[in-house]
Amino acid sequence: ARKESQEEKESKISDTDPESGYYVKGEREKQFAYSFHTACDTNGFILGSIVTPGNIHDSQQLIPLIEKLKNTLSTPSVVVADAGYKTPIIAKYLWSQGIEAVLPYTRPKGKEGLFSKRAFLYDHYLDSYLCPNEALLSYVRTTRDGYRLYKSNSLHCSSCALLKDCTQNKQKEKMILRHLWEPYLEVSEELRYTEQHKKWYKRRKETIERCFADAKEKHGMRWTTYRGLAKVTLQAMLTFAAMNLKKMANWLWKKAMPFYFLTLNRKNVPSQILNHEKTRFSTVWNALIK
């Protein structure tokens, strides 16, 4: 029987807070942390959040977060997410739930200096990829992870003038992986160019990014004040609840502002209008202090 080799993976655990995760972002940002996977509406009110160790990838938490919103509120009609959530699995889930997926542009992946996957055109009829030199990459098999493998003909590639820009494979074969649910991702990619999707994605920096900025700069969420997942989750929920209450108070306060303006200029204001504004302010104020 053939023995499968087991690769040893290095795991870093904090001595002071073992429930945290080792967060890595590029070469500069490496630390033990927690991640807040959060959703808000178009007005910036926080609707729900899931707290995980920092080493949990973003894409693993969007589906549980949407399910949480469906159980507590309702199914959203549109979901705007950043590049960390742009995966075929998430795109398939959103579109199959009747949710419009608004996903951003992502840079092509692969080795620098070689053709990226976007340089190859997929033909749905032939179920093959067409390379820049108009050669076909045919379907070979499907992997356990749900990816379909496409491979070129080494006889054609060995004499291709673009070989050095295409692959460094010793067998002179170009291979491309395509997820079974990649068509759902392609739909989102096509809609990314529409004006409506551009408008929705632009709102992201005005809503969820503003929420995170306020939480860090005004509410001390840049650093945790507790240890353990349960206590950090409690800190996040209380902070987000306070932020929602502050936003609601600001909204109600703005509605009451015309009363102050009219009282300062009451000599020139008819008594009927003044009484109307006074009544309206009283209603708003009573709702605010409850």
Protein backbone atom coordinates (compact mmCIF):
# COMPACT_ATOMS: atom_id res chain seq x y z
CA ALA A 1 0.00 0.00 0.00
CA ARG A 2 1.27 3.43 -0.89
CA LYS A 3 1.82 5.72 2.07
CA GLU A 4 0.54 9.22 1.62
CA SER A 5 3.00 11.87 2.71
CA GLN A 6 1.64 14.23 5.34
CA GLU A 7 2.90 17.78 5.21
CA GLU A 8 3.54 19.36 8.56
CA LYS A 9 1.99 22.80 8.94
CA GLU A 10 3.30 25.34 11.38
CA SER A 11 0.64 26.63 13.75
CA LYS A 12 1.13 29.71 15.90
CA ILE A 13 -0.85 29.95 19.14
CA SER A 14 -0.92 32.91 21.51
CA ASP A 15 0.17 32.23 25.10
CA THR A 16 -2.10 34.96 26.50
CA ASP A 17 -5.18 34.32 24.32
CA PRO A 18 -5.20 30.87 22.66
CA GLU A 19 -8.62 31.52 21.08
CA SER A 20 -7.25 34.33 18.89
CA GLY A 21 -5.82 33.64 15.44
CA TYR A 22 -2.58 34.66 13.75
CA TYR A 23 -3.64 37.34 11.27
CA VAL A 24 -1.41 37.89 8.24
CA LYS A 25 -1.89 40.65 5.66
CA GLY A 26 1.09 41.07 3.40
CA GLU A 27 4.52 41.34 4.93
CA ARG A 28 3.86 44.22 7.31
CA GLU A 29 0.79 43.19 9.26
CA LYS A 30 1.24 40.01 11.31
CA GLN A 31 -0.34 39.68 14.73
CA PHE A 32 -2.76 37.68 16.87
CA ALA A 33 -6.21 39.12 16.35
CA TYR A 34 -9.94 38.61 15.90
CA SER A 35 -11.96 39.35 12.75
CA PHE A 36 -15.37 41.01 12.70
CA HIS A 37 -17.44 39.89 9.71
CA THR A 38 -20.15 42.53 9.64
CA ALA A 39 -23.12 43.56 7.50
CA CYS A 40 -24.93 46.90 7.39
CA ASP A 41 -27.74 48.45 5.36
CA THR A 42 -27.60 51.33 2.89
CA ASN A 43 -27.88 53.86 5.73
CA GLY A 44 -24.97 52.45 7.71
CA PHE A 45 -26.99 50.71 10.43
CA ILE A 46 -25.21 47.51 11.49
CA LEU A 47 -27.49 44.51 10.97
CA GLY A 48 -25.34 41.63 12.17
CA SER A 49 -21.82 40.46 12.86
CA ILE A 50 -19.86 37.24 13.40
CA VAL A 51 -16.59 37.32 15.35
CA THR A 52 -13.92 34.74 14.50
CA PRO A 53 -10.20 34.25 15.16
CA GLY A 54 -8.04 36.30 12.82
CA ASN A 55 -6.80 33.30 10.84
CA ILE A 56 -10.29 32.46 9.51
CA HIS A 57 -10.67 33.59 5.90
CA ASP A 58 -13.40 36.11 5.09
CA SER A 59 -15.00 33.89 2.45
CA GLN A 60 -15.89 31.24 5.04
CA GLN A 61 -18.17 33.59 7.00
CA LEU A 62 -20.32 35.41 4.45
CA ILE A 63 -22.82 32.57 3.97
CA PRO A 64 -23.34 32.07 7.75
CA LEU A 65 -23.75 35.84 8.10
CA ILE A 66 -26.41 35.99 5.37
CA GLU A 67 -28.22 33.04 6.94
CA LYS A 68 -28.15 34.85 10.27
CA LEU A 69 -29.71 37.94 8.68
CA LYS A 70 -32.37 35.81 6.98
CA ASN A 71 -33.37 34.31 10.34
CA THR A 72 -33.42 37.60 12.27
CA LEU A 73 -34.51 40.13 9.63
CA SER A 74 -35.15 39.17 6.00
CA THR A 75 -33.35 38.07 2.85
CA PRO A 76 -31.46 40.99 1.30
CA SER A 77 -32.05 41.77 -2.36
CA VAL A 78 -28.50 43.00 -3.03
CA VAL A 79 -25.21 42.15 -1.30
CA VAL A 80 -22.12 44.30 -1.87
CA ALA A 81 -18.89 42.62 -0.73
CA ASP A 82 -15.18 43.27 -1.05
CA ALA A 83 -12.59 41.16 -2.85
CA GLY A 84 -12.14 38.73 0.06
CA TYR A 85 -15.63 37.37 -0.58
CA LYS A 86 -15.28 37.01 -4.36
CA THR A 87 -15.36 33.23 -4.77
CA PRO A 88 -17.43 30.91 -7.01
CA ILE A 89 -19.06 29.31 -3.96
CA ILE A 90 -20.28 32.66 -2.59
CA ALA A 91 -21.42 33.87 -6.02
CA LYS A 92 -23.40 30.65 -6.53
CA TYR A 93 -24.99 30.92 -3.09
CA LEU A 94 -26.06 34.55 -3.55
CA TRP A 95 -27.53 34.15 -7.04
CA SER A 96 -29.31 30.89 -6.13
CA GLN A 97 -30.93 32.70 -3.18
CA GLY A 98 -32.23 35.43 -5.48
CA ILE A 99 -29.66 37.90 -4.14
CA GLU A 100 -27.84 40.16 -6.58
CA ALA A 101 -24.09 39.83 -6.00
CA VAL A 102 -22.09 43.05 -6.41
CA LEU A 103 -18.41 42.10 -6.40
CA PRO A 104 -15.33 44.23 -7.17
CA TYR A 105 -12.50 43.99 -9.65
CA THR A 106 -9.67 41.69 -8.60
CA ARG A 107 -6.17 41.57 -9.98
CA PRO A 108 -5.23 38.59 -12.18
CA LYS A 109 -3.56 35.79 -10.22
CA GLY A 110 -0.56 33.75 -11.30
CA LYS A 111 3.15 34.09 -11.82
CA GLU A 112 4.39 37.51 -12.86
CA GLY A 113 5.51 37.65 -16.50
CA LEU A 114 3.22 34.82 -17.63
CA PHE A 115 -0.24 34.95 -19.20
CA SER A 116 -2.97 35.11 -16.61
CA LYS A 117 -6.14 33.05 -16.81
CA ARG A 118 -7.96 36.05 -18.28
CA ALA A 119 -5.80 35.82 -21.40
CA PHE A 120 -7.54 32.52 -22.24
CA LEU A 121 -11.08 32.57 -23.66
CA TYR A 122 -13.51 29.93 -22.44
CA ASP A 123 -15.78 28.40 -25.11
CA HIS A 124 -19.02 27.10 -23.54
CA TYR A 125 -19.99 25.10 -26.63
CA LEU A 126 -16.68 23.23 -26.89
CA ASP A 127 -16.11 23.22 -23.11
CA SER A 128 -12.52 24.24 -23.76
CA TYR A 129 -10.20 27.21 -23.36
CA LEU A 130 -8.69 29.03 -26.34
CA CYS A 131 -5.15 30.27 -25.78
CA PRO A 132 -3.71 33.56 -27.19
CA ASN A 133 -2.20 31.51 -30.04
CA GLU A 134 -5.64 30.00 -30.86
CA ALA A 135 -4.92 26.51 -29.55
CA LEU A 136 -7.44 24.57 -27.46
CA LEU A 137 -7.04 23.47 -23.86
CA SER A 138 -9.33 20.45 -23.50
CA TYR A 139 -11.11 19.14 -20.41
CA VAL A 140 -9.23 16.38 -18.58
CA ARG A 141 -10.90 15.66 -15.24
CA THR A 142 -12.62 17.20 -12.19
CA THR A 143 -10.70 17.49 -8.93
CA ARG A 144 -12.02 16.67 -5.47
CA ASP A 145 -12.33 20.39 -4.73
CA GLY A 146 -14.81 20.90 -7.57
CA TYR A 147 -12.40 22.31 -10.16
CA ARG A 148 -12.41 21.17 -13.80
CA LEU A 149 -8.90 20.75 -15.20
CA TYR A 150 -8.11 21.85 -18.77
CA LYS A 151 -4.81 20.99 -20.42
CA SER A 152 -3.11 21.93 -23.68
CA ASN A 153 -1.41 19.61 -26.19
CA SER A 154 2.32 19.47 -25.49
CA LEU A 155 3.08 18.83 -29.18
CA HIS A 156 1.52 22.14 -30.12
CA CYS A 157 2.99 24.06 -27.18
CA SER A 158 6.57 22.85 -27.76
CA SER A 159 6.69 24.73 -31.08
CA CYS A 160 4.65 27.74 -29.93
CA ALA A 161 6.32 31.14 -30.14
CA LEU A 162 4.47 32.27 -27.00
CA LEU A 163 5.57 29.36 -24.82
CA LYS A 164 7.93 31.42 -22.65
CA ASP A 165 5.10 33.86 -21.90
CA CYS A 166 2.58 31.09 -21.22
CA THR A 167 4.00 28.40 -18.95
CA GLN A 168 7.16 27.10 -17.29
CA ASN A 169 5.87 23.52 -17.16
CA LYS A 170 8.59 20.96 -17.90
CA GLN A 171 6.18 18.90 -20.01
CA LYS A 172 5.37 22.07 -21.98
CA GLU A 173 1.70 21.86 -21.10
CA LYS A 174 -0.54 24.71 -20.01
CA MET A 175 -3.12 23.81 -17.33
CA ILE A 176 -6.13 25.89 -16.22
CA LEU A 177 -8.57 25.20 -13.39
CA ARG A 178 -12.21 26.24 -13.66
CA HIS A 179 -14.63 25.84 -10.74
CA LEU A 180 -17.95 24.09 -11.36
CA TRP A 181 -19.75 27.23 -10.15
CA GLU A 182 -17.57 29.74 -11.98
CA PRO A 183 -20.43 30.78 -14.32
CA TYR A 184 -22.11 32.46 -11.33
CA LEU A 185 -18.93 34.46 -10.78
CA GLU A 186 -18.82 35.40 -14.45
CA VAL A 187 -22.33 36.86 -14.22
CA SER A 188 -21.19 39.13 -11.39
CA GLU A 189 -18.11 40.08 -13.40
CA GLU A 190 -20.23 41.12 -16.40
CA LEU A 191 -22.65 43.14 -14.25
CA ARG A 192 -19.74 44.94 -12.60
CA TYR A 193 -19.61 47.28 -15.62
CA THR A 194 -23.24 48.42 -15.31
CA GLU A 195 -24.00 51.84 -13.87
CA GLN A 196 -26.27 50.43 -11.16
CA HIS A 197 -23.59 48.06 -9.85
CA LYS A 198 -21.01 50.84 -9.92
CA LYS A 199 -23.38 52.97 -7.87
CA TRP A 200 -23.99 50.20 -5.35
CA TYR A 201 -20.31 49.41 -4.92
CA LYS A 202 -19.51 53.09 -4.45
CA ARG A 203 -21.88 53.11 -1.47
CA ARG A 204 -19.74 50.49 0.24
CA LYS A 205 -17.07 52.99 1.31
CA GLU A 206 -19.80 55.29 2.65
CA THR A 207 -21.46 52.57 4.76
CA ILE A 208 -19.57 49.51 6.01
CA GLU A 209 -16.13 51.12 5.67
CA ARG A 210 -17.40 54.10 7.65
CA CYS A 211 -18.74 51.74 10.32
CA PHE A 212 -15.36 50.07 10.72
CA ALA A 213 -13.58 53.42 10.75
CA ASP A 214 -15.86 54.79 13.49
CA ALA A 215 -15.55 51.59 15.52
CA LYS A 216 -11.75 51.79 15.43
CA GLU A 217 -11.25 55.53 15.88
CA LYS A 218 -14.15 56.42 18.18
CA HIS A 219 -14.95 53.22 20.05
CA GLY A 220 -11.59 51.60 20.75
CA MET A 221 -12.11 48.62 18.43
CA ARG A 222 -8.63 48.81 16.98
CA TRP A 223 -7.52 46.71 19.95
CA THR A 224 -9.50 44.19 21.98
CA THR A 225 -9.98 44.88 25.68
CA TYR A 226 -10.90 41.29 26.57
CA ARG A 227 -9.50 37.81 26.02
CA GLY A 228 -11.43 34.91 24.60
CA LEU A 229 -13.87 34.65 21.70
CA ALA A 230 -17.01 34.98 23.85
CA LYS A 231 -15.89 38.19 25.57
CA VAL A 232 -14.61 39.77 22.35
CA THR A 233 -17.93 38.94 20.70
CA LEU A 234 -19.74 40.63 23.58
CA GLN A 235 -17.53 43.69 23.18
CA ALA A 236 -18.29 43.84 19.44
CA MET A 237 -22.06 43.46 19.89
CA LEU A 238 -22.25 46.17 22.56
CA THR A 239 -20.10 48.52 20.49
CA PHE A 240 -22.19 48.03 17.35
CA ALA A 241 -25.41 48.49 19.37
CA ALA A 242 -24.06 51.77 20.76
CA MET A 243 -23.13 52.93 17.26
CA ASN A 244 -26.65 52.19 16.00
CA LEU A 245 -28.17 54.09 18.93
CA LYS A 246 -25.92 57.08 18.26
CA LYS A 247 -26.94 57.12 14.61
CA MET A 248 -30.61 56.91 15.54
CA ALA A 249 -30.21 59.73 18.06
CA ASN A 250 -28.52 61.89 15.43
CA TRP A 251 -31.36 61.26 13.01
CA LEU A 252 -34.00 62.18 15.57
CA TRP A 253 -32.03 65.24 16.64
CA LYS A 254 -31.84 66.52 13.07
CA LYS A 255 -35.61 66.17 12.76
CA ALA A 256 -36.02 68.35 15.86
CA MET A 257 -33.65 71.12 14.70
CA PRO A 258 -36.30 73.22 12.82
CA PHE A 259 -38.01 73.91 16.17
CA TYR A 260 -34.87 75.58 17.55
CA PHE A 261 -34.48 77.60 14.38
CA LEU A 262 -38.06 78.82 14.57
CA THR A 263 -37.88 79.71 18.25
CA LEU A 264 -34.85 81.88 17.61
CA ASN A 265 -36.82 83.72 14.94
CA ARG A 266 -40.28 83.45 16.47
CA LYS A 267 -41.05 87.17 16.00
CA ASN A 268 -41.33 86.63 12.25
CA VAL A 269 -43.08 83.23 12.34
CA PRO A 270 -46.89 82.79 12.38
CA SER A 271 -48.20 81.22 15.55
CA GLN A 272 -49.77 78.26 13.69
CA ILE A 273 -46.44 77.18 12.21
CA LEU A 274 -44.69 77.67 15.53
CA ASN A 275 -47.26 75.51 17.35
CA HIS A 276 -46.96 72.81 14.69
CA GLU A 277 -43.17 72.68 15.04
CA LYS A 278 -43.44 72.63 18.82
CA THR A 279 -45.77 69.63 18.68
CA ARG A 280 -43.49 67.83 16.23
CA PHE A 281 -40.45 68.43 18.42
CA SER A 282 -42.26 67.08 21.48
CA THR A 283 -43.12 63.86 19.61
CA VAL A 284 -39.53 63.36 18.45
CA TRP A 285 -38.11 64.19 21.88
CA ASN A 286 -40.40 61.72 23.63
CA ALA A 287 -39.35 58.98 21.21
CA LEU A 288 -35.70 59.88 21.79
CA ILE A 289 -35.75 59.65 25.58
CA LYS A 290 -37.71 56.39 25.75
